[in-house]
Protein backbone atom coordinates (compact mmCIF):
# COMPACT_ATOMS: atom_id res chain seq x y z
CA MET A 1 80.22 -1.65 -13.88
CA THR A 2 76.97 -0.71 -15.55
CA HIS A 3 76.88 2.69 -17.16
CA PRO A 4 74.37 5.19 -15.59
CA VAL A 5 72.81 5.91 -18.96
CA ALA A 6 72.14 2.20 -19.50
CA LEU A 7 70.48 1.98 -16.06
CA THR A 8 68.28 4.93 -16.88
CA LEU A 9 67.21 3.46 -20.21
CA ALA A 10 66.48 0.06 -18.65
CA LEU A 11 64.37 1.65 -15.90
CA ALA A 12 62.43 3.70 -18.44
CA ALA A 13 61.73 0.59 -20.51
CA THR A 14 60.50 -1.26 -17.41
CA LEU A 15 58.13 1.59 -16.44
CA LEU A 16 56.75 1.83 -19.98
CA ALA A 17 56.09 -1.92 -20.06
CA ALA A 18 54.32 -1.77 -16.69
CA ALA A 19 52.19 1.15 -17.87
CA ALA A 20 51.24 -0.69 -21.05
CA GLY A 21 50.33 -3.76 -19.03
CA ALA A 22 48.17 -1.72 -16.66
CA GLN A 23 46.32 -0.14 -19.58
CA SER A 24 45.55 -3.56 -21.05
CA LEU A 25 43.64 -4.73 -17.93
CA PRO A 26 39.81 -4.78 -18.36
CA THR A 27 37.91 -2.14 -16.39
CA GLN A 28 35.30 -3.29 -13.87
CA SER A 29 32.48 -1.22 -12.42
CA ALA A 30 31.88 -1.62 -8.71
CA ALA A 31 28.64 -3.45 -7.87
CA ALA A 32 25.98 -1.18 -6.43
CA THR A 33 25.59 -1.70 -2.69
CA PRO A 34 21.97 -2.19 -1.66
CA THR A 35 20.67 0.61 0.55
CA ASN A 36 17.93 0.52 3.15
CA VAL A 37 14.76 2.12 1.78
CA ALA A 38 11.95 1.39 4.25
CA ARG A 39 10.87 0.04 7.60
CA VAL A 40 7.88 -2.27 7.54
CA TYR A 41 5.69 -2.86 10.61
CA VAL A 42 3.49 -5.95 10.53
CA GLN A 43 0.86 -6.66 13.18
CA THR A 44 0.98 -10.38 13.97
CA ALA A 45 -0.67 -12.71 16.46
CA LYS A 46 2.56 -12.62 18.53
CA GLY A 47 3.23 -8.88 18.44
CA VAL A 48 4.59 -6.36 15.93
CA ASN A 49 7.32 -7.56 13.57
CA VAL A 50 9.59 -4.79 12.28
CA TYR A 51 11.63 -5.26 9.09
CA THR A 52 14.20 -3.17 7.27
CA THR A 53 13.79 -3.37 3.48
CA SER A 54 16.77 -2.93 1.18
CA SER A 55 16.60 -1.50 -2.34
CA THR A 56 16.56 -5.10 -3.66
CA GLY A 57 13.49 -5.92 -1.56
CA LYS A 58 15.42 -8.05 0.94
CA LEU A 59 13.78 -8.03 4.38
CA THR A 60 15.86 -8.04 7.57
CA LEU A 61 14.03 -8.61 10.85
CA VAL A 62 14.81 -5.89 13.40
CA SER A 63 16.18 -7.20 16.69
CA GLY A 64 13.48 -7.47 19.35
CA SER A 65 10.72 -8.53 16.95
CA PRO A 66 8.00 -9.36 17.61
CA PHE A 67 7.51 -6.33 19.88
CA LYS A 68 4.90 -7.19 22.49
CA ASN A 69 4.78 -3.91 24.41
CA THR A 70 2.11 -2.25 22.26
CA VAL A 71 -1.61 -2.19 23.01
CA GLY A 72 -4.28 -1.99 20.32
CA LEU A 73 -3.87 -2.02 16.54
CA MET A 74 -1.23 0.08 14.84
CA ILE A 75 -2.44 2.95 12.65
CA GLY A 76 0.79 4.73 11.69
CA ALA A 77 4.42 5.55 12.39
CA PRO A 78 4.84 9.30 11.74
CA GLY A 79 8.06 11.04 12.70
CA GLY A 80 9.65 9.38 15.69
CA HIS A 81 6.52 7.71 17.05
CA PHE A 82 4.52 4.54 16.58
CA ILE A 83 0.75 5.06 16.99
CA THR A 84 -1.83 2.47 18.08
CA LEU A 85 -5.57 2.56 18.71
CA GLY A 86 -7.44 0.38 21.20
CA THR A 87 -11.08 0.20 22.24
CA THR A 88 -11.04 3.85 23.33
CA TYR A 89 -7.37 4.73 23.92
CA LEU A 90 -4.96 6.30 21.44
CA ARG A 91 -1.33 5.57 22.33
CA SER A 92 2.13 6.56 21.07
CA TYR A 93 5.48 4.81 21.49
CA ALA A 94 9.01 5.98 20.83
CA ILE A 95 10.70 4.55 17.73
CA LYS A 96 14.32 3.54 18.26
CA SER A 97 17.12 4.34 15.83
CA THR A 98 16.93 0.72 14.63
CA GLY A 99 13.22 1.10 13.86
CA GLY A 100 12.26 -0.99 16.88
CA ILE A 101 9.38 0.05 19.14
CA GLY A 102 10.35 1.57 22.49
CA ALA A 103 8.38 2.50 25.56
CA GLN A 104 4.95 4.13 25.53
CA VAL A 105 5.29 7.91 25.80
CA ALA A 106 1.67 9.11 25.72
CA GLN A 107 -1.97 8.07 25.66
CA ILE A 108 -5.38 9.72 25.53
CA ASN A 109 -8.88 8.35 26.13
CA THR A 110 -11.00 9.26 23.11
CA ALA A 111 -14.18 8.44 25.04
CA LEU A 112 -13.75 11.55 27.23
CA TYR A 113 -13.90 14.06 24.38
CA PRO A 114 -16.70 15.56 22.25
CA GLY A 115 -17.78 13.30 19.45
CA ALA A 116 -17.69 10.39 21.88
CA ALA A 117 -18.83 11.78 25.22
CA ASP A 118 -21.99 13.28 23.70
CA CYS A 119 -22.81 10.07 21.77
CA GLY A 120 -23.20 7.85 24.81
CA THR A 121 -21.35 4.54 24.49
CA THR A 122 -18.94 4.61 21.55
CA THR A 123 -16.33 2.28 20.10
CA THR A 124 -13.38 3.32 17.98
CA ASN A 125 -13.70 2.07 14.40
CA GLY A 126 -10.25 2.67 12.98
CA GLY A 127 -7.83 5.55 12.75
CA THR A 128 -5.90 7.40 10.03
CA ILE A 129 -2.78 9.58 10.22
CA ASP A 130 -2.82 12.65 7.95
CA ARG A 131 -0.19 13.12 5.26
CA THR A 132 1.98 15.44 7.36
CA GLY A 133 2.01 13.04 10.33
CA THR A 134 0.70 15.74 12.68
CA GLU A 135 -2.92 14.61 13.16
CA ALA A 136 -4.68 11.36 14.00
CA TYR A 137 -8.31 11.02 12.85
CA ILE A 138 -10.38 8.54 14.85
CA ARG A 139 -13.71 7.15 13.64
CA LEU A 140 -16.25 6.49 16.38
CA ASP A 141 -19.39 4.39 16.19
CA GLY A 142 -22.05 5.21 18.75
CA SER A 143 -25.78 4.78 18.70
CA ASP A 144 -27.77 4.62 15.48
CA THR A 145 -27.95 8.41 15.49
CA CYS A 146 -24.42 9.35 16.53
CA HIS A 147 -21.22 8.62 14.61
CA SER A 148 -18.30 11.02 14.58
CA LEU A 149 -14.75 11.72 13.46
CA GLN A 150 -12.37 13.06 16.13
CA THR A 151 -9.09 14.91 15.50
CA PHE A 152 -6.09 14.60 17.82
CA ASN A 153 -2.91 16.61 17.22
CA ILE A 154 0.36 14.68 17.63
CA ASN A 155 3.30 16.49 19.23
CA ALA A 156 6.27 15.74 16.97
CA THR A 157 8.74 15.95 19.88
CA THR A 158 6.97 14.20 22.75
CA GLY A 159 4.33 12.11 20.97
CA ALA A 160 1.64 13.59 23.25
CA PHE A 161 -1.93 14.02 21.96
CA THR A 162 -4.13 17.11 22.10
CA PHE A 163 -7.82 17.05 21.22
CA GLY A 164 -8.37 19.13 18.08
CA GLY A 165 -12.12 18.89 17.41
CA PHE A 166 -14.72 16.56 15.96
CA ALA A 167 -17.27 16.31 13.18
CA TYR A 168 -20.40 14.22 13.06
CA GLY A 169 -20.43 11.56 10.37
CA GLY A 170 -22.32 13.19 7.56
CA GLY A 171 -23.26 11.16 4.52
CA LEU A 172 -24.32 12.51 1.17
CA GLY A 173 -27.39 10.27 1.17
CA SER A 174 -29.74 9.23 3.95
CA GLN A 175 -29.05 10.18 7.55
CA PRO A 176 -27.79 9.04 10.00
CA PRO A 177 -25.03 6.89 8.43
CA THR A 178 -22.70 4.28 9.89
CA PHE A 179 -19.01 4.34 8.92
CA GLU A 180 -18.27 1.35 6.72
CA GLY A 181 -14.80 2.03 5.34
CA PRO A 182 -11.47 3.53 6.42
CA LEU A 183 -10.93 7.27 6.17
CA VAL A 184 -8.93 8.14 3.03
CA VAL A 185 -7.07 11.46 3.09
CA ALA A 186 -6.80 13.08 -0.35
CA GLY A 187 -3.39 13.77 -1.84
CA ASN A 188 -3.79 17.49 -1.20
CA ASN A 189 -4.25 16.73 2.56
CA GLY A 190 -7.17 19.15 2.54
CA HIS A 191 -10.05 16.68 2.27
CA ALA A 192 -10.88 13.17 3.43
CA TYR A 193 -13.51 10.61 2.49
CA THR A 194 -15.01 7.41 3.75
CA PHE A 195 -18.19 5.63 2.80
CA THR A 196 -21.18 5.19 5.04
CA GLN A 197 -24.23 2.98 5.19
CA TYR A 198 -27.80 3.61 6.27
CA TYR A 199 -30.01 0.54 5.97
CA CYS A 200 -29.28 -0.63 2.42
CA GLU A 201 -27.80 2.63 1.11
CA GLN A 202 -24.07 3.23 0.87
CA ASN A 203 -22.68 6.62 -0.01
CA PHE A 204 -19.68 8.90 0.43
CA SER A 205 -19.04 10.78 3.65
CA ALA A 206 -16.77 13.78 3.14
CA PHE A 207 -14.72 16.09 5.38
CA TYR A 208 -12.50 19.14 4.94
CA ARG A 209 -9.37 19.92 6.94
CA ASP A 210 -9.22 23.37 8.55
CA ARG A 211 -6.08 25.41 9.20
CA PHE A 212 -5.65 23.76 12.61
CA GLY A 213 -5.66 20.28 11.07
CA ALA A 214 -9.13 19.29 12.30
CA MET A 215 -11.61 17.55 10.01
CA ASN A 216 -15.05 19.10 9.57
CA THR A 217 -18.13 17.74 7.80
CA ALA A 218 -18.27 18.74 4.12
CA THR A 219 -20.91 18.41 1.42
CA PRO A 220 -19.03 18.50 -1.89
CA THR A 221 -20.49 17.62 -5.25
CA ILE A 222 -19.89 14.01 -6.29
CA THR A 223 -20.56 12.77 -9.80
CA PHE A 224 -21.35 9.17 -10.68
CA PRO A 225 -21.33 7.11 -13.87
CA PRO A 226 -24.43 7.46 -16.05
CA PRO A 227 -27.32 5.52 -14.42
CA ASN A 228 -28.35 2.21 -15.83
CA GLY A 229 -31.44 1.63 -13.74
CA GLY A 230 -30.03 2.11 -10.25
CA GLU A 231 -27.69 3.98 -7.93
CA TYR A 232 -23.93 3.60 -7.62
CA PHE A 233 -22.48 2.86 -4.18
CA PRO A 234 -18.77 2.88 -3.21
CA SER A 235 -17.18 0.02 -1.28
CA ALA A 236 -13.42 0.82 -1.21
CA MET A 237 -11.19 3.73 -2.20
CA ALA A 238 -7.59 4.95 -2.31
CA SER A 239 -5.92 8.31 -3.01
CA ASP A 240 -2.78 9.22 -4.89
CA ASN A 241 0.04 11.27 -3.37
CA GLN A 242 -0.35 14.36 -5.55
CA ASN A 243 -0.02 17.23 -3.09
CA VAL A 244 -1.31 19.97 -5.39
CA ARG A 245 -4.60 21.80 -5.82
CA THR A 246 -6.13 18.72 -7.41
CA SER A 247 -5.47 15.06 -6.68
CA HIS A 248 -7.01 11.77 -7.74
CA MET A 249 -8.75 8.76 -6.24
CA ALA A 250 -9.55 5.20 -7.22
CA VAL A 251 -12.97 3.96 -6.11
CA ALA A 252 -14.42 0.45 -6.24
CA ILE A 253 -18.10 0.93 -6.96
CA HIS A 254 -21.21 -1.06 -7.87
CA GLU A 255 -24.69 -0.32 -9.12
CA ASP A 256 -27.50 -1.30 -6.74
CA PHE A 257 -30.40 -1.35 -9.23
CA LEU A 258 -32.61 0.11 -6.45
CA ASP A 259 -32.98 -3.39 -4.99
CA CYS A 260 -31.72 -2.59 -1.49
CA GLY A 261 -28.47 -4.47 -1.98
CA ASN A 262 -30.12 -7.74 -3.01
CA ASN A 263 -29.16 -7.64 -6.68
CA PRO A 264 -26.27 -5.24 -7.25
CA SER A 265 -23.89 -5.35 -10.16
CA PRO A 266 -20.31 -6.65 -9.68
CA LEU A 267 -17.75 -4.16 -8.43
CA ALA A 268 -15.79 -2.08 -10.93
CA LEU A 269 -13.00 0.49 -10.65
CA ALA A 270 -13.59 4.17 -11.32
CA ALA A 271 -11.13 7.08 -11.31
CA TYR A 272 -12.02 10.41 -9.69
CA THR A 273 -10.42 13.84 -9.58
CA VAL A 274 -10.54 15.72 -6.26
CA ASP A 275 -10.67 19.44 -7.01
CA TYR A 276 -9.64 22.33 -4.75
CA ASN A 277 -13.08 22.43 -3.12
CA GLY A 278 -13.20 18.71 -2.45
CA ASN A 279 -15.64 17.88 -5.24
CA LEU A 280 -15.25 14.35 -6.61
CA ILE A 281 -15.41 14.33 -10.41
CA TYR A 282 -15.91 10.97 -12.14
CA ASN A 283 -13.49 10.12 -14.95
CA GLY A 284 -15.02 7.34 -17.14
CA ALA A 285 -14.90 4.54 -17.95
CA MET A 286 -15.11 1.89 -15.27
CA LEU A 287 -12.96 -1.25 -15.34
CA LYS A 288 -14.03 -4.71 -14.23
CA LEU A 289 -11.99 -6.48 -11.54
CA ALA A 290 -11.05 -10.15 -11.37
CA ILE A 291 -11.28 -10.17 -7.54
CA ASN A 292 -13.36 -8.57 -4.82
CA ALA A 293 -12.28 -5.08 -3.66
CA GLU A 294 -11.98 -4.56 0.10
CA SER A 295 -8.75 -2.57 0.41
CA MET A 296 -6.74 -0.53 -2.09
CA ALA A 297 -3.48 1.41 -2.20
CA ILE A 298 -1.89 3.67 -4.83
CA ASN A 299 1.92 3.72 -4.93
CA PRO A 300 3.78 6.96 -4.06
CA GLN A 301 4.61 7.53 -7.74
CA GLY A 302 0.86 7.59 -8.46
CA ASN A 303 0.90 5.19 -11.40
CA LEU A 304 0.04 1.78 -9.87
CA LEU A 305 -3.02 0.65 -7.93
CA ALA A 306 -3.11 -2.48 -5.74
CA VAL A 307 -6.52 -4.01 -4.97
CA SER A 308 -6.99 -6.78 -2.44
CA ALA A 309 -9.67 -8.75 -0.61
CA ALA A 310 -9.86 -11.30 2.19
CA THR A 311 -13.35 -12.51 1.28
CA SER A 312 -15.49 -13.11 -1.79
CA ASN A 313 -17.94 -10.53 -3.07
CA PRO A 314 -21.31 -11.67 -1.65
CA PHE A 315 -23.07 -10.26 -4.71
CA SER A 316 -20.76 -11.81 -7.31
CA THR A 317 -19.18 -15.12 -6.29
CA LYS A 318 -16.80 -14.93 -9.26
CA ASP A 319 -15.05 -12.05 -7.49
CA GLY A 320 -13.10 -13.92 -4.84
CA PRO A 321 -10.28 -12.99 -2.47
CA GLY A 322 -6.81 -12.19 -3.75
CA LEU A 323 -4.49 -9.47 -5.01
CA GLN A 324 -4.42 -7.64 -8.35
CA VAL A 325 -2.52 -4.60 -9.68
CA PHE A 326 -3.71 -1.98 -12.19
CA HIS A 327 -2.23 1.01 -14.00
CA PHE A 328 -3.50 4.19 -12.34
CA ASN A 329 -3.60 7.13 -14.73
CA GLY A 330 -4.69 10.11 -12.64
CA ALA A 331 -7.56 11.90 -14.32
CA LYS A 332 -7.75 9.24 -17.02
CA PRO A 333 -9.53 5.88 -16.63
CA ILE A 334 -7.79 3.05 -14.77
CA THR A 335 -6.36 0.38 -17.07
CA GLY A 336 -5.56 -3.31 -16.60
CA TYR A 337 -2.11 -4.66 -15.75
CA SER A 338 -1.66 -7.89 -13.79
CA ASN A 339 -3.60 -11.09 -13.54
CA ILE A 340 -4.46 -12.30 -10.04
CA LEU A 341 -1.09 -12.37 -8.23
CA THR A 342 -2.41 -14.66 -5.50
CA LYS A 343 -5.83 -16.04 -4.61
CA ASP A 344 -4.91 -16.12 -0.92
CA PRO A 345 -7.16 -13.92 1.26
CA ILE A 346 -5.29 -10.62 1.59
CA SER A 347 -5.76 -8.62 4.79
CA SER A 348 -3.72 -5.47 4.07
CA VAL A 349 -1.62 -3.88 1.31
CA ALA A 350 0.96 -1.07 1.32
CA TRP A 351 3.73 0.36 -0.90
CA ASP A 352 7.11 1.86 -0.15
CA LYS A 353 8.79 4.51 -2.33
CA SER A 354 11.09 2.01 -4.03
CA ASN A 355 8.60 -0.04 -6.08
CA HIS A 356 7.88 -2.65 -3.39
CA LEU A 357 4.34 -3.85 -2.69
CA TYR A 358 3.63 -5.62 0.62
CA ALA A 359 0.55 -7.77 1.25
CA THR A 360 -0.44 -9.81 4.31
CA SER A 361 -2.61 -12.90 4.40
CA ARG A 362 -3.81 -13.56 7.92
CA ALA A 363 -5.71 -16.66 6.81
CA THR A 364 -2.60 -18.34 5.35
CA ASN A 365 0.07 -16.80 7.66
CA LYS A 366 1.95 -15.20 4.77
CA LEU A 367 3.62 -11.90 3.94
CA TYR A 368 3.99 -11.27 0.20
CA VAL A 369 6.55 -8.79 -1.15
CA PHE A 370 6.77 -7.85 -4.83
CA THR A 371 8.95 -5.50 -6.83
CA ILE A 372 6.52 -3.82 -9.23
CA THR A 373 7.13 -1.16 -11.86
CA PRO A 374 4.81 -0.11 -14.71
CA THR A 375 6.54 -2.70 -16.92
CA SER A 376 7.48 -5.61 -14.65
CA ILE A 377 6.20 -7.63 -11.70
CA LYS A 378 8.26 -10.13 -9.75
CA PRO A 379 8.26 -11.46 -6.17
CA VAL A 380 11.34 -10.66 -4.08
CA ALA A 381 13.57 -13.58 -3.09
CA GLY A 382 11.92 -15.72 -0.41
CA SER A 383 8.40 -14.29 -0.86
CA PRO A 384 5.93 -15.24 0.49
CA PHE A 385 7.32 -15.26 4.04
CA THR A 386 5.69 -17.24 6.86
CA LEU A 387 4.40 -15.22 9.85
CA SER A 388 1.93 -15.91 12.64
CA GLY A 389 -1.42 -14.32 11.76
CA PRO A 390 -0.18 -11.15 9.98
CA SER A 391 -2.84 -8.47 9.53
CA THR A 392 -2.23 -4.72 9.38
CA LEU A 393 0.75 -3.18 7.55
CA VAL A 394 2.48 0.16 8.12
CA VAL A 395 5.35 1.19 5.82
CA ARG A 396 7.73 3.96 6.83
CA PRO A 397 10.11 5.15 4.06
CA LEU A 398 13.70 5.90 5.06
């Protein structure tokens, strides 16, 4: 018979040995599980593809894609609604919990409201959602003497639209202008800018947002680089996300040399500060691009600028289509970063909040996705992806 004391000592020795063995095992940290960071809506020739993006940049196609129930071109996905714009109709659709596009819930005919009705025959020329997701701004082209910007309020619950006012397209140069670029809402959400053209002159067109959310024509002061024999005209712009009294913009600009557009200088990038009153203050010096500049986007962090083009610059054949990224430095001059990431014609660019840049090439049926920080650039696994005629991008952070 074994003595109880001996049993106790043997058991203690066994437990101590087990404890020592457990302590000798190497520790392992659990691998981080990728999280979903964004939904990406891509207009294609077959409908709207919806993707969920993980923190690693992996794209997962949402069931039901491509969604073919929408009419017109998408302009935004604020709150719980997906917004499209057709020839004259503005429409909203419910967004499902998966990110998919549900049934249409509202529509409004922009042609029946001031800014269109008093211009005779008008055609919508693009739309922009404000930074709060509560207003849609619709650009209208009418006769040579009538171009306007309409405001429609978006009901966050129902998706219904209410007319909120209009402003005639007022340029800071010759009148009357024609809208030539998309409306860019400043980071402070209080001002918006596009550029306009009248014969061979291009210039800024500016608006201020009133307390009801409607845009009204503004005439702020805009400074330009020192003249070198001509006038500077903008051709593309983007705003940062700095929602404070002052924000910043990147502008692609060229000097016309007073030759009515026949002999302008190549495009260059300039940084601007938008002050509380909407004045645009030039921050030298300009930076030469390696591609044409047709569309631009600043990332949510405000430190990277993507520039893209689907065509060559008609005034400088060396500036072809493609995609390039720069360091954006707020009130300081823009500085170089990447070489040309692709020479494919790029139709649209957009960022999410997790360092991912998306770019579509309708001409080559590709969707590019990059992970880009201020110190590294790399395509995500599988990029570029093959799609059927991808054009417009809308990114909705999760």
